[in-house]
Amino acid sequence: MTATLAPETIVSEEQKALFREEGYFILERVIPDDMLQMLREECSYFLGYYDCLMDQQSASVHGLNHRGSRYFIGNRYRQSHRMWRFLFSSLMAQVTQAALGQDVYLFNEQWVVKGPEKGMSFAWHQDSGYIGVRDTESLRSPYLTCWCTLDDVSEDNGTVYLLPHSRGGTKNTVHPHKQEAVTNDFVGYTGSDPGMPIIAPAGSIVAFSSFNLHRSGSNLSPNMRRIYLAQYSRLPMLTSAGKAWALTTPFVNNGEVVYDRSQDTAERFGPMSRS
């Protein structure tokens, strides 16, 4: 589909200025109710699938995933017949252009879920730090993380804590990251600043630069804390060898939505495909 976006945007000039200086802005209750319900249903499906996958492997830990406690389930949207409607929506076009400009690619998308009463914390890191530890030469400009809340988030249920650029010294810098034993987290900050807790209702979008340091607490509540995380870039994200890091799906070109569902037919994951 190709569509010219309306000139008005849900992101104010003040929020754009905040992003330029501090690397983030927050949009409360902007995800429509029907879209929010769809994302919750898709999250449930993929959680069930991933639990079955770990059961088949007789494993309780797989990379950053810890069964029943913490999940990062990434790049599955092509296995759904409806997740693309959110990722490439007019809403996300406006959010991403406010931060990145008139050219946008989908780089990565994933579910980030903490289990009830025992959902693990996640260490201080920059999203770009996870690239830097694998290929330092590939670090160029930051990309955009859209942290979309499927539940109300608070300090009790393991919300994200963010360091604005002025507090983290990250406007133009990716700090060295070291991997923790047991959790497999990469850690990019060990200072005393606790960060700014994000308290927001379900249906909100916290947009921040991949250079911003952030962490998340444990989920001490009786319910899951579910986040859908979509990441976008100005240009395709490539390694120093010229290979794609993850996704390189065209979304917006010169201010027009150019995503074409009929052409988005990259490799699927066998039996998980439901399109």
C-alpha atoms as a PDB file:
ATOM      1  CA  MET A   1       0.000   0.000   0.000  1.00  0.00           C
ATOM      2  CA  THR A   2       1.097   3.568  -0.610  1.00  0.00           C
ATOM      3  CA  ALA A   3      -0.479   6.438   1.266  1.00  0.00           C
ATOM      4  CA  THR A   4       0.372  10.060   1.908  1.00  0.00           C
ATOM      5  CA  LEU A   5       0.181  10.879   5.600  1.00  0.00           C
ATOM      6  CA  ALA A   6      -1.891  13.726   6.965  1.00  0.00           C
ATOM      7  CA  PRO A   7       0.227  16.700   8.034  1.00  0.00           C
ATOM      8  CA  GLU A   8      -1.039  16.625  11.619  1.00  0.00           C
ATOM      9  CA  THR A   9       0.674  14.309  14.058  1.00  0.00           C
ATOM     10  CA  ILE A  10       0.041  12.974  17.543  1.00  0.00           C
ATOM     11  CA  VAL A  11       3.604  13.926  18.505  1.00  0.00           C
ATOM     12  CA  SER A  12       3.874  17.551  19.587  1.00  0.00           C
ATOM     13  CA  GLU A  13       6.746  19.897  18.759  1.00  0.00           C
ATOM     14  CA  GLU A  14       7.698  19.847  22.449  1.00  0.00           C
ATOM     15  CA  GLN A  15       7.904  16.051  22.377  1.00  0.00           C
ATOM     16  CA  LYS A  16      10.032  16.138  19.244  1.00  0.00           C
ATOM     17  CA  ALA A  17      12.387  18.611  20.917  1.00  0.00           C
ATOM     18  CA  LEU A  18      12.570  16.362  23.997  1.00  0.00           C
ATOM     19  CA  PHE A  19      13.519  13.441  21.775  1.00  0.00           C
ATOM     20  CA  ARG A  20      16.276  15.437  20.065  1.00  0.00           C
ATOM     21  CA  GLU A  21      17.784  16.497  23.395  1.00  0.00           C
ATOM     22  CA  GLU A  22      17.041  13.622  25.765  1.00  0.00           C
ATOM     23  CA  GLY A  23      16.201  10.743  23.434  1.00  0.00           C
ATOM     24  CA  TYR A  24      12.603   9.936  24.388  1.00  0.00           C
ATOM     25  CA  PHE A  25       8.941  10.945  24.481  1.00  0.00           C
ATOM     26  CA  ILE A  26       5.830   9.313  25.947  1.00  0.00           C
ATOM     27  CA  LEU A  27       2.393   9.042  24.318  1.00  0.00           C
ATOM     28  CA  GLU A  28      -0.307   7.862  26.729  1.00  0.00           C
ATOM     29  CA  ARG A  29      -3.331   5.801  25.600  1.00  0.00           C
ATOM     30  CA  VAL A  30      -2.712   6.220  21.868  1.00  0.00           C
ATOM     31  CA  ILE A  31      -3.160   2.583  20.776  1.00  0.00           C
ATOM     32  CA  PRO A  32      -6.817   2.038  19.778  1.00  0.00           C
ATOM     33  CA  ASP A  33      -8.745  -0.452  21.913  1.00  0.00           C
ATOM     34  CA  ASP A  34      -9.296  -2.956  19.106  1.00  0.00           C
ATOM     35  CA  MET A  35      -5.597  -2.888  18.197  1.00  0.00           C
ATOM     36  CA  LEU A  36      -4.624  -3.305  21.846  1.00  0.00           C
ATOM     37  CA  GLN A  37      -6.860  -6.356  22.193  1.00  0.00           C
ATOM     38  CA  MET A  38      -5.389  -7.862  19.048  1.00  0.00           C
ATOM     39  CA  LEU A  39      -1.851  -7.452  20.383  1.00  0.00           C
ATOM     40  CA  ARG A  40      -2.833  -9.109  23.658  1.00  0.00           C
ATOM     41  CA  GLU A  41      -4.323 -12.084  21.816  1.00  0.00           C
ATOM     42  CA  GLU A  42      -1.249 -12.478  19.621  1.00  0.00           C
ATOM     43  CA  CYS A  43       0.994 -12.238  22.673  1.00  0.00           C
ATOM     44  CA  SER A  44      -0.909 -15.092  24.323  1.00  0.00           C
ATOM     45  CA  TYR A  45      -0.466 -17.277  21.267  1.00  0.00           C
ATOM     46  CA  PHE A  46       3.282 -16.744  20.993  1.00  0.00           C
ATOM     47  CA  LEU A  47       3.823 -17.241  24.729  1.00  0.00           C
ATOM     48  CA  GLY A  48       2.079 -20.605  24.500  1.00  0.00           C
ATOM     49  CA  TYR A  49       4.134 -21.583  21.499  1.00  0.00           C
ATOM     50  CA  TYR A  50       7.409 -20.637  23.137  1.00  0.00           C
ATOM     51  CA  ASP A  51       6.594 -22.562  26.326  1.00  0.00           C
ATOM     52  CA  CYS A  52       5.913 -25.641  24.192  1.00  0.00           C
ATOM     53  CA  LEU A  53       9.196 -25.119  22.372  1.00  0.00           C
ATOM     54  CA  MET A  54      11.167 -25.027  25.616  1.00  0.00           C
ATOM     55  CA  ASP A  55       9.234 -28.059  26.921  1.00  0.00           C
ATOM     56  CA  GLN A  56      10.254 -29.999  23.820  1.00  0.00           C
ATOM     57  CA  GLN A  57      13.878 -29.100  24.527  1.00  0.00           C
ATOM     58  CA  SER A  58      13.521 -29.892  28.258  1.00  0.00           C
ATOM     59  CA  ALA A  59      14.868 -26.392  28.885  1.00  0.00           C
ATOM     60  CA  SER A  60      13.805 -23.652  31.266  1.00  0.00           C
ATOM     61  CA  VAL A  61      16.314 -21.109  29.934  1.00  0.00           C
ATOM     62  CA  HIS A  62      16.854 -20.244  26.297  1.00  0.00           C
ATOM     63  CA  GLY A  63      19.083 -17.225  25.712  1.00  0.00           C
ATOM     64  CA  LEU A  64      17.442 -14.293  27.514  1.00  0.00           C
ATOM     65  CA  ASN A  65      14.212 -16.264  27.988  1.00  0.00           C
ATOM     66  CA  HIS A  66      13.436 -17.832  31.369  1.00  0.00           C
ATOM     67  CA  ARG A  67      10.299 -19.989  31.352  1.00  0.00           C
ATOM     68  CA  GLY A  68       7.401 -18.455  33.278  1.00  0.00           C
ATOM     69  CA  SER A  69       9.546 -15.523  34.355  1.00  0.00           C
ATOM     70  CA  ARG A  70      10.822 -13.456  31.410  1.00  0.00           C
ATOM     71  CA  TYR A  71      10.365 -13.690  27.654  1.00  0.00           C
ATOM     72  CA  PHE A  72      11.815 -11.985  24.600  1.00  0.00           C
ATOM     73  CA  ILE A  73      10.088 -13.459  21.533  1.00  0.00           C
ATOM     74  CA  GLY A  74      11.220 -11.691  18.408  1.00  0.00           C
ATOM     75  CA  ASN A  75      10.468 -11.180  14.740  1.00  0.00           C
ATOM     76  CA  ARG A  76       7.327 -13.287  14.394  1.00  0.00           C
ATOM     77  CA  TYR A  77       4.981 -10.787  12.764  1.00  0.00           C
ATOM     78  CA  ARG A  78       5.055 -12.563   9.408  1.00  0.00           C
ATOM     79  CA  GLN A  79       3.501 -15.578  11.117  1.00  0.00           C
ATOM     80  CA  SER A  80       0.428 -13.565  12.020  1.00  0.00           C
ATOM     81  CA  HIS A  81      -2.271 -12.410   9.617  1.00  0.00           C
ATOM     82  CA  ARG A  82      -2.891  -9.211  11.572  1.00  0.00           C
ATOM     83  CA  MET A  83       0.159  -7.936  13.505  1.00  0.00           C
ATOM     84  CA  TRP A  84       1.340  -6.049  10.422  1.00  0.00           C
ATOM     85  CA  ARG A  85      -1.711  -3.800  10.760  1.00  0.00           C
ATOM     86  CA  PHE A  86      -0.184  -2.303  13.903  1.00  0.00           C
ATOM     87  CA  LEU A  87       3.466  -2.271  12.868  1.00  0.00           C
ATOM     88  CA  PHE A  88       2.748  -0.439   9.623  1.00  0.00           C
ATOM     89  CA  SER A  89      -0.211   1.642  10.773  1.00  0.00           C
ATOM     90  CA  SER A  90      -0.713   5.369  10.362  1.00  0.00           C
ATOM     91  CA  LEU A  91      -0.162   5.648  14.119  1.00  0.00           C
ATOM     92  CA  MET A  92       3.294   4.080  13.928  1.00  0.00           C
ATOM     93  CA  ALA A  93       4.141   6.045  10.795  1.00  0.00           C
ATOM     94  CA  GLN A  94       3.530   9.277  12.702  1.00  0.00           C
ATOM     95  CA  VAL A  95       5.462   8.138  15.778  1.00  0.00           C
ATOM     96  CA  THR A  96       8.471   6.912  13.834  1.00  0.00           C
ATOM     97  CA  GLN A  97       8.686   9.899  11.501  1.00  0.00           C
ATOM     98  CA  ALA A  98       8.634  12.265  14.477  1.00  0.00           C
ATOM     99  CA  ALA A  99      11.868  10.635  15.651  1.00  0.00           C
ATOM    100  CA  LEU A 100      13.542   9.395  12.477  1.00  0.00           C
ATOM    101  CA  GLY A 101      12.401  11.606   9.635  1.00  0.00           C
ATOM    102  CA  GLN A 102      10.679  10.758   6.366  1.00  0.00           C
ATOM    103  CA  ASP A 103      12.342   7.398   5.694  1.00  0.00           C
ATOM    104  CA  VAL A 104      11.625   4.474   8.015  1.00  0.00           C
ATOM    105  CA  TYR A 105      12.375   0.733   8.004  1.00  0.00           C
ATOM    106  CA  LEU A 106      11.131  -1.892  10.446  1.00  0.00           C
ATOM    107  CA  PHE A 107      14.258  -3.276  12.105  1.00  0.00           C
ATOM    108  CA  ASN A 108      12.989  -5.563  14.860  1.00  0.00           C
ATOM    109  CA  GLU A 109       9.825  -6.472  16.776  1.00  0.00           C
ATOM    110  CA  GLN A 110       9.339  -8.612  19.848  1.00  0.00           C
ATOM    111  CA  TRP A 111       7.202  -9.467  22.836  1.00  0.00           C
ATOM    112  CA  VAL A 112       8.765  -8.572  26.188  1.00  0.00           C
ATOM    113  CA  VAL A 113       6.831 -10.287  28.981  1.00  0.00           C
ATOM    114  CA  LYS A 114       7.420 -10.682  32.715  1.00  0.00           C
ATOM    115  CA  GLY A 115       5.606 -13.462  34.537  1.00  0.00           C
ATOM    116  CA  PRO A 116       3.441 -12.754  37.613  1.00  0.00           C
ATOM    117  CA  GLU A 117       5.108 -12.518  41.040  1.00  0.00           C
ATOM    118  CA  LYS A 118       8.483 -13.700  39.756  1.00  0.00           C
ATOM    119  CA  GLY A 119       9.114 -11.799  36.531  1.00  0.00           C
ATOM    120  CA  MET A 120      12.840 -11.120  36.406  1.00  0.00           C
ATOM    121  CA  SER A 121      14.479  -7.749  36.236  1.00  0.00           C
ATOM    122  CA  PHE A 122      16.607  -6.735  33.239  1.00  0.00           C
ATOM    123  CA  ALA A 123      19.983  -5.051  33.599  1.00  0.00           C
ATOM    124  CA  TRP A 124      21.041  -1.543  32.518  1.00  0.00           C
ATOM    125  CA  HIS A 125      21.780  -1.520  28.810  1.00  0.00           C
ATOM    126  CA  GLN A 126      21.481   0.394  25.575  1.00  0.00           C
ATOM    127  CA  ASP A 127      19.629  -1.399  22.802  1.00  0.00           C
ATOM    128  CA  SER A 128      22.503  -0.520  20.473  1.00  0.00           C
ATOM    129  CA  GLY A 129      24.820  -2.148  23.015  1.00  0.00           C
ATOM    130  CA  TYR A 130      23.489  -5.564  22.017  1.00  0.00           C
ATOM    131  CA  ILE A 131      24.688  -4.828  18.496  1.00  0.00           C
ATOM    132  CA  GLY A 132      27.958  -3.299  19.625  1.00  0.00           C
ATOM    133  CA  VAL A 133      29.114  -6.355  21.576  1.00  0.00           C
ATOM    134  CA  ARG A 134      28.752  -8.469  18.452  1.00  0.00           C
ATOM    135  CA  ASP A 135      30.008  -6.081  15.797  1.00  0.00           C
ATOM    136  CA  THR A 136      31.476  -2.799  17.024  1.00  0.00           C
ATOM    137  CA  GLU A 137      32.168  -1.551  13.516  1.00  0.00           C
ATOM    138  CA  SER A 138      28.475  -1.684  12.592  1.00  0.00           C
ATOM    139  CA  LEU A 139      27.413   1.012  15.106  1.00  0.00           C
ATOM    140  CA  ARG A 140      26.278   4.078  13.256  1.00  0.00           C
ATOM    141  CA  SER A 141      23.200   6.152  14.022  1.00  0.00           C
ATOM    142  CA  PRO A 142      20.758   5.125  16.751  1.00  0.00           C
ATOM    143  CA  TYR A 143      17.474   3.446  15.901  1.00  0.00           C
ATOM    144  CA  LEU A 144      14.087   3.921  17.555  1.00  0.00           C
ATOM    145  CA  THR A 145      12.513   1.682  20.176  1.00  0.00           C
ATOM    146  CA  CYS A 146       8.728   1.906  20.610  1.00  0.00           C
ATOM    147  CA  TRP A 147       7.872   0.292  23.959  1.00  0.00           C
ATOM    148  CA  CYS A 148       4.133  -0.362  23.698  1.00  0.00           C
ATOM    149  CA  THR A 149       2.277  -1.177  26.909  1.00  0.00           C
ATOM    150  CA  LEU A 150      -0.320  -3.958  26.762  1.00  0.00           C
ATOM    151  CA  ASP A 151      -0.930  -3.545  30.506  1.00  0.00           C
ATOM    152  CA  ASP A 152      -0.747  -0.633  32.915  1.00  0.00           C
ATOM    153  CA  VAL A 153       2.925  -0.387  33.919  1.00  0.00           C
ATOM    154  CA  SER A 154       4.276   0.618  37.307  1.00  0.00           C
ATOM    155  CA  GLU A 155       7.226   0.002  39.583  1.00  0.00           C
ATOM    156  CA  ASP A 156       5.297  -2.912  41.116  1.00  0.00           C
ATOM    157  CA  ASN A 157       5.052  -4.886  37.888  1.00  0.00           C
ATOM    158  CA  GLY A 158       8.514  -4.271  36.480  1.00  0.00           C
ATOM    159  CA  THR A 159       8.283  -1.155  34.372  1.00  0.00           C
ATOM    160  CA  VAL A 160      11.225   0.285  32.473  1.00  0.00           C
ATOM    161  CA  TYR A 161      13.544   2.853  34.061  1.00  0.00           C
ATOM    162  CA  LEU A 162      15.077   5.268  31.578  1.00  0.00           C
ATOM    163  CA  LEU A 163      18.127   7.541  31.737  1.00  0.00           C
ATOM    164  CA  PRO A 164      17.692  10.660  29.597  1.00  0.00           C
ATOM    165  CA  HIS A 165      20.795  11.486  27.558  1.00  0.00           C
ATOM    166  CA  SER A 166      21.813  14.270  29.952  1.00  0.00           C
ATOM    167  CA  ARG A 167      21.911  11.797  32.861  1.00  0.00           C
ATOM    168  CA  GLY A 168      23.405   8.838  31.025  1.00  0.00           C
ATOM    169  CA  GLY A 169      25.904  10.625  28.795  1.00  0.00           C
ATOM    170  CA  THR A 170      24.483   8.762  25.827  1.00  0.00           C
ATOM    171  CA  LYS A 171      23.467  11.327  23.234  1.00  0.00           C
ATOM    172  CA  ASN A 172      26.251  10.237  20.884  1.00  0.00           C
ATOM    173  CA  THR A 173      27.765   7.319  22.757  1.00  0.00           C
ATOM    174  CA  VAL A 174      27.340   3.576  23.145  1.00  0.00           C
ATOM    175  CA  HIS A 175      29.055   2.367  26.303  1.00  0.00           C
ATOM    176  CA  PRO A 176      30.928  -0.958  26.453  1.00  0.00           C
ATOM    177  CA  HIS A 177      28.646  -3.824  27.520  1.00  0.00           C
ATOM    178  CA  LYS A 178      29.640  -6.983  29.377  1.00  0.00           C
ATOM    179  CA  GLN A 179      27.584 -10.161  29.655  1.00  0.00           C
ATOM    180  CA  GLU A 180      26.307 -11.297  33.044  1.00  0.00           C
ATOM    181  CA  ALA A 181      26.513 -14.918  34.042  1.00  0.00           C
ATOM    182  CA  VAL A 182      23.248 -16.783  34.755  1.00  0.00           C
ATOM    183  CA  THR A 183      20.891 -14.146  33.269  1.00  0.00           C
ATOM    184  CA  ASN A 184      22.835 -13.694  29.984  1.00  0.00           C
ATOM    185  CA  ASP A 185      22.037  -9.947  30.174  1.00  0.00           C
ATOM    186  CA  PHE A 186      24.518  -7.461  28.723  1.00  0.00           C
ATOM    187  CA  VAL A 187      25.293  -4.632  31.162  1.00  0.00           C
ATOM    188  CA  GLY A 188      26.278  -1.150  30.022  1.00  0.00           C
ATOM    189  CA  TYR A 189      25.988   0.899  33.235  1.00  0.00           C
ATOM    190  CA  THR A 190      26.863   0.294  36.868  1.00  0.00           C
ATOM    191  CA  GLY A 191      26.350   3.806  38.270  1.00  0.00           C
ATOM    192  CA  SER A 192      24.093   4.937  41.101  1.00  0.00           C
ATOM    193  CA  ASP A 193      21.387   6.779  39.133  1.00  0.00           C
ATOM    194  CA  PRO A 194      18.196   4.680  39.541  1.00  0.00           C
ATOM    195  CA  GLY A 195      16.669   6.065  36.349  1.00  0.00           C
ATOM    196  CA  MET A 196      13.275   7.570  35.633  1.00  0.00           C
ATOM    197  CA  PRO A 197      10.460   5.020  36.155  1.00  0.00           C
ATOM    198  CA  ILE A 198       7.855   4.962  33.395  1.00  0.00           C
ATOM    199  CA  ILE A 199       4.364   4.917  34.890  1.00  0.00           C
ATOM    200  CA  ALA A 200       1.837   4.644  32.076  1.00  0.00           C
ATOM    201  CA  PRO A 201      -1.550   3.082  31.292  1.00  0.00           C
ATOM    202  CA  ALA A 202      -2.124   0.253  28.836  1.00  0.00           C
ATOM    203  CA  GLY A 203      -2.151   1.413  25.228  1.00  0.00           C
ATOM    204  CA  SER A 204       0.729   3.858  25.648  1.00  0.00           C
ATOM    205  CA  ILE A 205       3.902   4.145  23.564  1.00  0.00           C
ATOM    206  CA  VAL A 206       7.243   5.053  25.111  1.00  0.00           C
ATOM    207  CA  ALA A 207       9.526   6.007  22.225  1.00  0.00           C
ATOM    208  CA  PHE A 208      13.249   6.209  22.953  1.00  0.00           C
ATOM    209  CA  SER A 209      16.578   6.091  21.188  1.00  0.00           C
ATOM    210  CA  SER A 210      18.594   2.884  21.095  1.00  0.00           C
ATOM    211  CA  PHE A 211      21.372   4.936  22.746  1.00  0.00           C
ATOM    212  CA  ASN A 212      19.325   5.623  25.917  1.00  0.00           C
ATOM    213  CA  LEU A 213      20.328   3.530  28.910  1.00  0.00           C
ATOM    214  CA  HIS A 214      17.400   1.678  30.459  1.00  0.00           C
ATOM    215  CA  ARG A 215      16.607  -1.231  32.733  1.00  0.00           C
ATOM    216  CA  SER A 216      13.487  -2.868  34.151  1.00  0.00           C
ATOM    217  CA  GLY A 217      12.508  -4.095  37.586  1.00  0.00           C
ATOM    218  CA  SER A 218      10.997  -7.369  38.755  1.00  0.00           C
ATOM    219  CA  ASN A 219       7.286  -8.024  38.415  1.00  0.00           C
ATOM    220  CA  LEU A 220       5.952  -8.337  41.959  1.00  0.00           C
ATOM    221  CA  SER A 221       2.289  -8.115  40.942  1.00  0.00           C
ATOM    222  CA  PRO A 222      -0.088 -11.101  40.545  1.00  0.00           C
ATOM    223  CA  ASN A 223      -0.455 -10.487  36.799  1.00  0.00           C
ATOM    224  CA  MET A 224       1.771 -10.633  33.745  1.00  0.00           C
ATOM    225  CA  ARG A 225       3.421  -7.452  32.509  1.00  0.00           C
ATOM    226  CA  ARG A 226       3.217  -7.501  28.713  1.00  0.00           C
ATOM    227  CA  ILE A 227       5.051  -5.191  26.317  1.00  0.00           C
ATOM    228  CA  TYR A 228       5.138  -5.208  22.543  1.00  0.00           C
ATOM    229  CA  LEU A 229       8.378  -3.665  21.383  1.00  0.00           C
ATOM    230  CA  ALA A 230       8.767  -2.404  17.809  1.00  0.00           C
ATOM    231  CA  GLN A 231      12.041  -0.958  16.568  1.00  0.00           C
ATOM    232  CA  TYR A 232      12.577   1.143  13.468  1.00  0.00           C
ATOM    233  CA  SER A 233      15.560   2.702  11.699  1.00  0.00           C
ATOM    234  CA  ARG A 234      16.252   5.433   9.152  1.00  0.00           C
ATOM    235  CA  LEU A 235      18.211   3.046   6.921  1.00  0.00           C
ATOM    236  CA  PRO A 236      18.459  -0.762   6.812  1.00  0.00           C
ATOM    237  CA  MET A 237      20.489  -1.936   9.807  1.00  0.00           C
ATOM    238  CA  LEU A 238      23.488  -3.819   8.418  1.00  0.00           C
ATOM    239  CA  THR A 239      26.552  -5.457   9.903  1.00  0.00           C
ATOM    240  CA  SER A 240      30.018  -4.272   8.939  1.00  0.00           C
ATOM    241  CA  ALA A 241      29.993  -7.164   6.456  1.00  0.00           C
ATOM    242  CA  GLY A 242      26.867  -5.770   4.808  1.00  0.00           C
ATOM    243  CA  LYS A 243      24.397  -8.355   6.129  1.00  0.00           C
ATOM    244  CA  ALA A 244      21.068  -7.473   7.731  1.00  0.00           C
ATOM    245  CA  TRP A 245      21.010  -7.580  11.529  1.00  0.00           C
ATOM    246  CA  ALA A 246      17.342  -8.503  11.618  1.00  0.00           C
ATOM    247  CA  LEU A 247      14.539  -7.046   9.499  1.00  0.00           C
ATOM    248  CA  THR A 248      14.940  -4.461   6.734  1.00  0.00           C
ATOM    249  CA  THR A 249      11.277  -4.008   5.851  1.00  0.00           C
ATOM    250  CA  PRO A 250      10.499  -0.703   4.048  1.00  0.00           C
ATOM    251  CA  PHE A 251       7.780   1.247   5.862  1.00  0.00           C
ATOM    252  CA  VAL A 252       7.904   4.959   4.968  1.00  0.00           C
ATOM    253  CA  ASN A 253       9.711   6.544   2.036  1.00  0.00           C
ATOM    254  CA  ASN A 254       9.862  10.298   1.571  1.00  0.00           C
ATOM    255  CA  GLY A 255       6.882  10.741   3.885  1.00  0.00           C
ATOM    256  CA  GLU A 256       4.677   8.087   2.264  1.00  0.00           C
ATOM    257  CA  VAL A 257       3.734   4.693   3.671  1.00  0.00           C
ATOM    258  CA  VAL A 258       5.140   2.195   1.165  1.00  0.00           C
ATOM    259  CA  TYR A 259       4.736  -1.069   3.080  1.00  0.00           C
ATOM    260  CA  ASP A 260       3.280  -3.705   0.755  1.00  0.00           C
ATOM    261  CA  ARG A 261       1.842  -6.721   2.529  1.00  0.00           C
ATOM    262  CA  SER A 262       1.620  -8.699  -0.710  1.00  0.00           C
ATOM    263  CA  GLN A 263       5.381  -8.363  -1.198  1.00  0.00           C
ATOM    264  CA  ASP A 264       6.316  -9.097   2.387  1.00  0.00           C
ATOM    265  CA  THR A 265       6.875 -12.796   1.834  1.00  0.00           C
ATOM    266  CA  ALA A 266      10.225 -13.461   3.486  1.00  0.00           C
ATOM    267  CA  GLU A 267      10.988 -16.841   5.039  1.00  0.00           C
ATOM    268  CA  ARG A 268       8.470 -18.062   7.595  1.00  0.00           C
ATOM    269  CA  PHE A 269       9.040 -20.415  10.497  1.00  0.00           C
ATOM    270  CA  GLY A 270       7.411 -23.628   9.374  1.00  0.00           C
ATOM    271  CA  PRO A 271       4.510 -24.801  11.543  1.00  0.00           C
ATOM    272  CA  MET A 272       4.220 -21.462  13.348  1.00  0.00           C
ATOM    273  CA  SER A 273       2.884 -19.724  10.265  1.00  0.00           C
ATOM    274  CA  ARG A 274      -0.805 -18.794  10.617  1.00  0.00           C
ATOM    275  CA  SER A 275      -1.302 -16.428   7.683  1.00  0.00           C
END
